[in-house]
Each structure stands twice: as C-alpha cells, then as structure tokens.
C-alpha cells in the first residue's frame, strides 16, 4: 500500500462519506448507503468522482494537502 496523503470527509448530517488519498493516486471511499448499510468501501479513479464531490473535497481539504489532492483528482 502506498503512503496515505490524507482523509477528507464530505459527510452529510446523517450519512458518512470519507475519501482517503494515497501517494500512488489511488482513492479509497468509505461511505454509508443508509442507516442499515454503513462503512461500504470502494476504490475509485478520479474520473468516477462527480464534479460536485470534487468541489466539496477540495473545499474540505487541509491546505497542506490541497496541491497533492488536486493533482490526483485532475482538478482545474
């Protein structure tokens, strides 16, 4: 496993949604489908993340990791 860069939450009030970014460009998402289906894990490519979620991720990203995360997301 590559080095973890950071984990960013874009959770709503009731459902979790965490993205973990790794130095090799991989992205792990752990989220809740609903109150009965929690901590679902999936591995994503940047192209599978919506523009809206990319905006939220960059907004919530700690400043010191922003440049690395923007590169992984191919964010403008």
PDB file of N, CA and C in Angstrom:
ATOM      1  N   UNK A   1       0.856  -1.194   0.000  1.00  0.00           N
ATOM      2  CA  UNK A   1       0.000   0.000   0.000  1.00  0.00           C
ATOM      3  C   UNK A   1       0.888   1.239   0.000  1.00  0.00           C
ATOM      4  N   UNK A   2       0.513   2.176  -0.804  1.00  0.00           N
ATOM      5  CA  UNK A   2       1.248   3.429  -0.874  1.00  0.00           C
ATOM      6  C   UNK A   2       0.995   4.297   0.350  1.00  0.00           C
ATOM      7  N   UNK A   3       1.780   5.342   0.468  1.00  0.00           N
ATOM      8  CA  UNK A   3       1.669   6.257   1.602  1.00  0.00           C
ATOM      9  C   UNK A   3       0.348   7.039   1.540  1.00  0.00           C
ATOM     10  N   UNK A   4      -0.323   7.102   2.674  1.00  0.00           N
ATOM     11  CA  UNK A   4      -1.573   7.856   2.761  1.00  0.00           C
ATOM     12  C   UNK A   4      -1.258   9.345   2.808  1.00  0.00           C
ATOM     13  N   UNK A   5      -1.962  10.128   1.984  1.00  0.00           N
ATOM     14  CA  UNK A   5      -1.787  11.585   1.979  1.00  0.00           C
ATOM     15  C   UNK A   5      -2.704  12.196   3.028  1.00  0.00           C
ATOM     16  N   UNK A   6      -4.003  11.944   2.890  1.00  0.00           N
ATOM     17  CA  UNK A   6      -4.967  12.477   3.858  1.00  0.00           C
ATOM     18  C   UNK A   6      -6.331  11.840   3.641  1.00  0.00           C
ATOM     19  N   UNK A   7      -7.209  12.036   4.610  1.00  0.00           N
ATOM     20  CA  UNK A   7      -8.594  11.591   4.518  1.00  0.00           C
ATOM     21  C   UNK A   7      -9.482  12.816   4.651  1.00  0.00           C
ATOM     22  N   UNK A   8     -10.460  12.932   3.755  1.00  0.00           N
ATOM     23  CA  UNK A   8     -11.351  14.091   3.729  1.00  0.00           C
ATOM     24  C   UNK A   8     -12.787  13.595   3.838  1.00  0.00           C
ATOM     25  N   UNK A   9     -13.555  14.236   4.694  1.00  0.00           N
ATOM     26  CA  UNK A   9     -14.962  13.893   4.864  1.00  0.00           C
ATOM     27  C   UNK A   9     -15.842  14.902   4.129  1.00  0.00           C
ATOM     28  N   UNK A  10     -16.799  14.367   3.385  1.00  0.00           N
ATOM     29  CA  UNK A  10     -17.839  15.223   2.793  1.00  0.00           C
ATOM     30  C   UNK A  10     -19.197  14.672   3.227  1.00  0.00           C
ATOM     31  N   UNK A  11     -19.231  14.217   4.463  1.00  0.00           N
ATOM     32  CA  UNK A  11     -20.433  13.587   5.018  1.00  0.00           C
ATOM     33  C   UNK A  11     -21.585  14.571   5.131  1.00  0.00           C
ATOM     34  N   UNK A  12     -22.779  14.026   5.035  1.00  0.00           N
ATOM     35  CA  UNK A  12     -23.984  14.812   5.304  1.00  0.00           C
ATOM     36  C   UNK A  12     -24.319  14.635   6.787  1.00  0.00           C
ATOM     37  N   UNK A  13     -25.377  15.238   7.231  1.00  0.00           N
ATOM     38  CA  UNK A  13     -25.748  15.183   8.646  1.00  0.00           C
ATOM     39  C   UNK A  13     -25.937  13.754   9.139  1.00  0.00           C
ATOM     40  N   UNK A  14     -26.470  12.878   8.298  1.00  0.00           N
ATOM     41  CA  UNK A  14     -26.788  11.535   8.774  1.00  0.00           C
ATOM     42  C   UNK A  14     -25.958  10.418   8.144  1.00  0.00           C
ATOM     43  N   UNK A  15     -25.303  10.674   7.019  1.00  0.00           N
ATOM     44  CA  UNK A  15     -24.560   9.625   6.323  1.00  0.00           C
ATOM     45  C   UNK A  15     -23.087   9.990   6.158  1.00  0.00           C
ATOM     46  N   UNK A  16     -22.205   9.064   6.517  1.00  0.00           N
ATOM     47  CA  UNK A  16     -20.772   9.287   6.379  1.00  0.00           C
ATOM     48  C   UNK A  16     -20.318   9.163   4.939  1.00  0.00           C
ATOM     49  N   UNK A  17     -19.259   9.887   4.590  1.00  0.00           N
ATOM     50  CA  UNK A  17     -18.673   9.823   3.253  1.00  0.00           C
ATOM     51  C   UNK A  17     -17.231  10.324   3.352  1.00  0.00           C
ATOM     52  N   UNK A  18     -16.282   9.385   3.448  1.00  0.00           N
ATOM     53  CA  UNK A  18     -14.873   9.715   3.641  1.00  0.00           C
ATOM     54  C   UNK A  18     -14.058   9.244   2.436  1.00  0.00           C
ATOM     55  N   UNK A  19     -13.157  10.087   1.982  1.00  0.00           N
ATOM     56  CA  UNK A  19     -12.255   9.760   0.893  1.00  0.00           C
ATOM     57  C   UNK A  19     -10.826   9.807   1.419  1.00  0.00           C
ATOM     58  N   UNK A  20     -10.058   8.732   1.169  1.00  0.00           N
ATOM     59  CA  UNK A  20      -8.656   8.695   1.560  1.00  0.00           C
ATOM     60  C   UNK A  20      -7.823   8.673   0.296  1.00  0.00           C
ATOM     61  N   UNK A  21      -6.853   9.589   0.228  1.00  0.00           N
ATOM     62  CA  UNK A  21      -5.995   9.735  -0.948  1.00  0.00           C
ATOM     63  C   UNK A  21      -4.616   9.166  -0.646  1.00  0.00           C
ATOM     64  N   UNK A  22      -4.044   8.442  -1.625  1.00  0.00           N
ATOM     65  CA  UNK A  22      -2.738   7.801  -1.470  1.00  0.00           C
ATOM     66  C   UNK A  22      -1.760   8.352  -2.494  1.00  0.00           C
ATOM     67  N   UNK A  23      -0.466   8.256  -2.164  1.00  0.00           N
ATOM     68  CA  UNK A  23       0.584   8.850  -2.994  1.00  0.00           C
ATOM     69  C   UNK A  23       0.678   8.249  -4.391  1.00  0.00           C
ATOM     70  N   UNK A  24       0.148   7.034  -4.589  1.00  0.00           N
ATOM     71  CA  UNK A  24       0.172   6.437  -5.928  1.00  0.00           C
ATOM     72  C   UNK A  24      -1.032   6.849  -6.772  1.00  0.00           C
ATOM     73  N   UNK A  25      -1.878   7.748  -6.233  1.00  0.00           N
ATOM     74  CA  UNK A  25      -3.038   8.238  -6.984  1.00  0.00           C
ATOM     75  C   UNK A  25      -4.316   7.463  -6.736  1.00  0.00           C
ATOM     76  N   UNK A  26      -4.264   6.430  -5.904  1.00  0.00           N
ATOM     77  CA  UNK A  26      -5.485   5.688  -5.616  1.00  0.00           C
ATOM     78  C   UNK A  26      -6.336   6.431  -4.588  1.00  0.00           C
ATOM     79  N   UNK A  27      -7.619   6.163  -4.646  1.00  0.00           N
ATOM     80  CA  UNK A  27      -8.584   6.830  -3.765  1.00  0.00           C
ATOM     81  C   UNK A  27      -9.483   5.756  -3.166  1.00  0.00           C
ATOM     82  N   UNK A  28      -9.585   5.759  -1.837  1.00  0.00           N
ATOM     83  CA  UNK A  28     -10.492   4.831  -1.152  1.00  0.00           C
ATOM     84  C   UNK A  28     -11.651   5.636  -0.586  1.00  0.00           C
ATOM     85  N   UNK A  29     -12.855   5.176  -0.870  1.00  0.00           N
ATOM     86  CA  UNK A  29     -14.050   5.835  -0.347  1.00  0.00           C
ATOM     87  C   UNK A  29     -14.750   4.888   0.620  1.00  0.00           C
ATOM     88  N   UNK A  30     -15.059   5.390   1.800  1.00  0.00           N
ATOM     89  CA  UNK A  30     -15.834   4.649   2.788  1.00  0.00           C
ATOM     90  C   UNK A  30     -17.073   5.483   3.068  1.00  0.00           C
ATOM     91  N   UNK A  31     -18.242   4.912   2.811  1.00  0.00           N
ATOM     92  CA  UNK A  31     -19.474   5.696   2.925  1.00  0.00           C
ATOM     93  C   UNK A  31     -20.616   4.862   3.471  1.00  0.00           C
ATOM     94  N   UNK A  32     -21.674   5.550   3.854  1.00  0.00           N
ATOM     95  CA  UNK A  32     -22.897   4.909   4.321  1.00  0.00           C
ATOM     96  C   UNK A  32     -23.959   5.044   3.232  1.00  0.00           C
ATOM     97  N   UNK A  33     -24.499   3.907   2.780  1.00  0.00           N
ATOM     98  CA  UNK A  33     -25.617   3.942   1.831  1.00  0.00           C
ATOM     99  C   UNK A  33     -26.864   4.466   2.511  1.00  0.00           C
ATOM    100  N   UNK A  34     -27.104   3.939   3.725  1.00  0.00           N
ATOM    101  CA  UNK A  34     -28.238   4.335   4.551  1.00  0.00           C
ATOM    102  C   UNK A  34     -27.923   3.881   5.969  1.00  0.00           C
ATOM    103  N   UNK A  35     -28.841   4.071   6.891  1.00  0.00           N
ATOM    104  CA  UNK A  35     -28.565   3.735   8.288  1.00  0.00           C
ATOM    105  C   UNK A  35     -28.333   2.244   8.516  1.00  0.00           C
ATOM    106  N   UNK A  36     -28.768   1.412   7.592  1.00  0.00           N
ATOM    107  CA  UNK A  36     -28.578  -0.028   7.736  1.00  0.00           C
ATOM    108  C   UNK A  36     -27.382  -0.554   6.959  1.00  0.00           C
ATOM    109  N   UNK A  37     -26.862   0.231   6.053  1.00  0.00           N
ATOM    110  CA  UNK A  37     -25.727  -0.171   5.221  1.00  0.00           C
ATOM    111  C   UNK A  37     -24.619   0.855   5.399  1.00  0.00           C
ATOM    112  N   UNK A  38     -23.786   0.619   6.412  1.00  0.00           N
ATOM    113  CA  UNK A  38     -22.740   1.593   6.731  1.00  0.00           C
ATOM    114  C   UNK A  38     -21.355   1.047   6.415  1.00  0.00           C
ATOM    115  N   UNK A  39     -20.407   1.960   6.305  1.00  0.00           N
ATOM    116  CA  UNK A  39     -18.996   1.640   6.069  1.00  0.00           C
ATOM    117  C   UNK A  39     -18.772   0.778   4.823  1.00  0.00           C
ATOM    118  N   UNK A  40     -19.441   1.145   3.730  1.00  0.00           N
ATOM    119  CA  UNK A  40     -19.225   0.495   2.442  1.00  0.00           C
ATOM    120  C   UNK A  40     -17.910   1.045   1.890  1.00  0.00           C
ATOM    121  N   UNK A  41     -17.022   0.155   1.436  1.00  0.00           N
ATOM    122  CA  UNK A  41     -15.713   0.585   0.919  1.00  0.00           C
ATOM    123  C   UNK A  41     -15.635   0.324  -0.571  1.00  0.00           C
ATOM    124  N   UNK A  42     -15.097   1.315  -1.297  1.00  0.00           N
ATOM    125  CA  UNK A  42     -14.838   1.133  -2.721  1.00  0.00           C
ATOM    126  C   UNK A  42     -13.567   1.887  -3.089  1.00  0.00           C
ATOM    127  N   UNK A  43     -12.881   1.382  -4.105  1.00  0.00           N
ATOM    128  CA  UNK A  43     -11.673   2.031  -4.613  1.00  0.00           C
ATOM    129  C   UNK A  43     -12.054   2.727  -5.906  1.00  0.00           C
ATOM    130  N   UNK A  44     -11.675   3.999  -6.014  1.00  0.00           N
ATOM    131  CA  UNK A  44     -12.111   4.825  -7.138  1.00  0.00           C
ATOM    132  C   UNK A  44     -10.950   5.372  -7.943  1.00  0.00           C
ATOM    133  N   UNK A  45     -11.270   5.712  -9.155  1.00  0.00           N
ATOM    134  CA  UNK A  45     -10.398   6.503 -10.012  1.00  0.00           C
ATOM    135  C   UNK A  45     -10.985   7.915 -10.007  1.00  0.00           C
ATOM    136  N   UNK A  46     -10.174   8.916 -10.207  1.00  0.00           N
ATOM    137  CA  UNK A  46     -10.651  10.303 -10.169  1.00  0.00           C
ATOM    138  C   UNK A  46     -11.806  10.541 -11.138  1.00  0.00           C
ATOM    139  N   UNK A  47     -11.833   9.821 -12.259  1.00  0.00           N
ATOM    140  CA  UNK A  47     -12.889  10.025 -13.255  1.00  0.00           C
ATOM    141  C   UNK A  47     -14.248   9.549 -12.755  1.00  0.00           C
ATOM    142  N   UNK A  48     -14.262   8.755 -11.682  1.00  0.00           N
ATOM    143  CA  UNK A  48     -15.518   8.230 -11.139  1.00  0.00           C
ATOM    144  C   UNK A  48     -16.141   9.151 -10.086  1.00  0.00           C
ATOM    145  N   UNK A  49     -15.476  10.263  -9.797  1.00  0.00           N
ATOM    146  CA  UNK A  49     -15.971  11.197  -8.784  1.00  0.00           C
ATOM    147  C   UNK A  49     -16.600  12.386  -9.491  1.00  0.00           C
ATOM    148  N   UNK A  50     -17.818  12.736  -9.087  1.00  0.00           N
ATOM    149  CA  UNK A  50     -18.537  13.829  -9.743  1.00  0.00           C
ATOM    150  C   UNK A  50     -17.853  15.172  -9.494  1.00  0.00           C
ATOM    151  N   UNK A  51     -18.099  16.107 -10.389  1.00  0.00           N
ATOM    152  CA  UNK A  51     -17.556  17.467 -10.238  1.00  0.00           C
ATOM    153  C   UNK A  51     -18.009  18.063  -8.908  1.00  0.00           C
ATOM    154  N   UNK A  52     -19.262  17.833  -8.545  1.00  0.00           N
ATOM    155  CA  UNK A  52     -19.803  18.358  -7.289  1.00  0.00           C
ATOM    156  C   UNK A  52     -19.021  17.811  -6.096  1.00  0.00           C
ATOM    157  N   UNK A  53     -18.745  16.511  -6.082  1.00  0.00           N
ATOM    158  CA  UNK A  53     -17.991  15.924  -4.973  1.00  0.00           C
ATOM    159  C   UNK A  53     -16.532  16.367  -4.985  1.00  0.00           C
ATOM    160  N   UNK A  54     -15.959  16.555  -6.172  1.00  0.00           N
ATOM    161  CA  UNK A  54     -14.587  17.084  -6.245  1.00  0.00           C
ATOM    162  C   UNK A  54     -14.530  18.471  -5.628  1.00  0.00           C
ATOM    163  N   UNK A  55     -15.523  19.304  -5.927  1.00  0.00           N
ATOM    164  CA  UNK A  55     -15.583  20.645  -5.335  1.00  0.00           C
ATOM    165  C   UNK A  55     -15.621  20.565  -3.809  1.00  0.00           C
ATOM    166  N   UNK A  56     -16.450  19.665  -3.280  1.00  0.00           N
ATOM    167  CA  UNK A  56     -16.565  19.501  -1.824  1.00  0.00           C
ATOM    168  C   UNK A  56     -15.254  19.011  -1.226  1.00  0.00           C
ATOM    169  N   UNK A  57     -14.607  18.062  -1.905  1.00  0.00           N
ATOM    170  CA  UNK A  57     -13.351  17.514  -1.405  1.00  0.00           C
ATOM    171  C   UNK A  57     -12.271  18.592  -1.323  1.00  0.00           C
ATOM    172  N   UNK A  58     -12.153  19.395  -2.370  1.00  0.00           N
ATOM    173  CA  UNK A  58     -11.141  20.458  -2.373  1.00  0.00           C
ATOM    174  C   UNK A  58     -11.464  21.498  -1.295  1.00  0.00           C
ATOM    175  N   UNK A  59     -12.731  21.823  -1.157  1.00  0.00           N
ATOM    176  CA  UNK A  59     -13.147  22.799  -0.142  1.00  0.00           C
ATOM    177  C   UNK A  59     -12.794  22.319   1.270  1.00  0.00           C
ATOM    178  N   UNK A  60     -12.961  21.020   1.528  1.00  0.00           N
ATOM    179  CA  UNK A  60     -12.720  20.464   2.867  1.00  0.00           C
ATOM    180  C   UNK A  60     -11.290  19.965   3.079  1.00  0.00           C
ATOM    181  N   UNK A  61     -10.472  20.044   2.049  1.00  0.00           N
ATOM    182  CA  UNK A  61      -9.110  19.528   2.130  1.00  0.00           C
ATOM    183  C   UNK A  61      -8.213  20.455   2.957  1.00  0.00           C
ATOM    184  N   UNK A  62      -7.424  19.887   3.877  1.00  0.00           N
ATOM    185  CA  UNK A  62      -6.459  20.716   4.612  1.00  0.00           C
ATOM    186  C   UNK A  62      -5.479  21.367   3.630  1.00  0.00           C
ATOM    187  N   UNK A  63      -5.146  22.602   3.874  1.00  0.00           N
ATOM    188  CA  UNK A  63      -4.334  23.401   2.956  1.00  0.00           C
ATOM    189  C   UNK A  63      -3.025  22.705   2.569  1.00  0.00           C
ATOM    190  N   UNK A  64      -2.378  22.040   3.519  1.00  0.00           N
ATOM    191  CA  UNK A  64      -1.066  21.433   3.232  1.00  0.00           C
ATOM    192  C   UNK A  64      -1.144  20.245   2.279  1.00  0.00           C
ATOM    193  N   UNK A  65      -2.352  19.691   2.058  1.00  0.00           N
ATOM    194  CA  UNK A  65      -2.515  18.551   1.150  1.00  0.00           C
ATOM    195  C   UNK A  65      -3.243  18.921  -0.132  1.00  0.00           C
ATOM    196  N   UNK A  66      -3.687  20.154  -0.212  1.00  0.00           N
ATOM    197  CA  UNK A  66      -4.560  20.565  -1.316  1.00  0.00           C
ATOM    198  C   UNK A  66      -3.920  20.340  -2.685  1.00  0.00           C
ATOM    199  N   UNK A  67      -2.653  20.699  -2.847  1.00  0.00           N
ATOM    200  CA  UNK A  67      -2.000  20.559  -4.145  1.00  0.00           C
ATOM    201  C   UNK A  67      -1.929  19.092  -4.576  1.00  0.00           C
ATOM    202  N   UNK A  68      -1.564  18.210  -3.664  1.00  0.00           N
ATOM    203  CA  UNK A  68      -1.484  16.778  -3.988  1.00  0.00           C
ATOM    204  C   UNK A  68      -2.852  16.206  -4.349  1.00  0.00           C
ATOM    205  N   UNK A  69      -3.863  16.563  -3.578  1.00  0.00           N
ATOM    206  CA  UNK A  69      -5.211  16.057  -3.836  1.00  0.00           C
ATOM    207  C   UNK A  69      -5.749  16.597  -5.161  1.00  0.00           C
ATOM    208  N   UNK A  70      -5.477  17.856  -5.451  1.00  0.00           N
ATOM    209  CA  UNK A  70      -5.920  18.436  -6.732  1.00  0.00           C
ATOM    210  C   UNK A  70      -5.290  17.700  -7.904  1.00  0.00           C
ATOM    211  N   UNK A  71      -4.025  17.313  -7.783  1.00  0.00           N
ATOM    212  CA  UNK A  71      -3.361  16.560  -8.863  1.00  0.00           C
ATOM    213  C   UNK A  71      -4.004  15.193  -9.044  1.00  0.00           C
ATOM    214  N   UNK A  72      -4.263  14.505  -7.948  1.00  0.00           N
ATOM    215  CA  UNK A  72      -4.901  13.183  -8.033  1.00  0.00           C
ATOM    216  C   UNK A  72      -6.277  13.288  -8.674  1.00  0.00           C
ATOM    217  N   UNK A  73      -7.047  14.316  -8.291  1.00  0.00           N
ATOM    218  CA  UNK A  73      -8.395  14.495  -8.833  1.00  0.00           C
ATOM    219  C   UNK A  73      -8.417  15.097 -10.220  1.00  0.00           C
ATOM    220  N   UNK A  74      -7.248  15.507 -10.731  1.00  0.00           N
ATOM    221  CA  UNK A  74      -7.175  16.233 -12.001  1.00  0.00           C
ATOM    222  C   UNK A  74      -8.134  17.419 -11.966  1.00  0.00           C
ATOM    223  N   UNK A  75      -8.026  18.146 -10.863  1.00  0.00           N
ATOM    224  CA  UNK A  75      -8.922  19.274 -10.601  1.00  0.00           C
ATOM    225  C   UNK A  75      -8.295  20.530 -11.191  1.00  0.00           C
ATOM    226  N   UNK A  76      -9.094  21.338 -11.874  1.00  0.00           N
ATOM    227  CA  UNK A  76      -8.540  22.535 -12.545  1.00  0.00           C
ATOM    228  C   UNK A  76      -7.812  23.493 -11.624  1.00  0.00           C
TER     229      UNK A  76
END
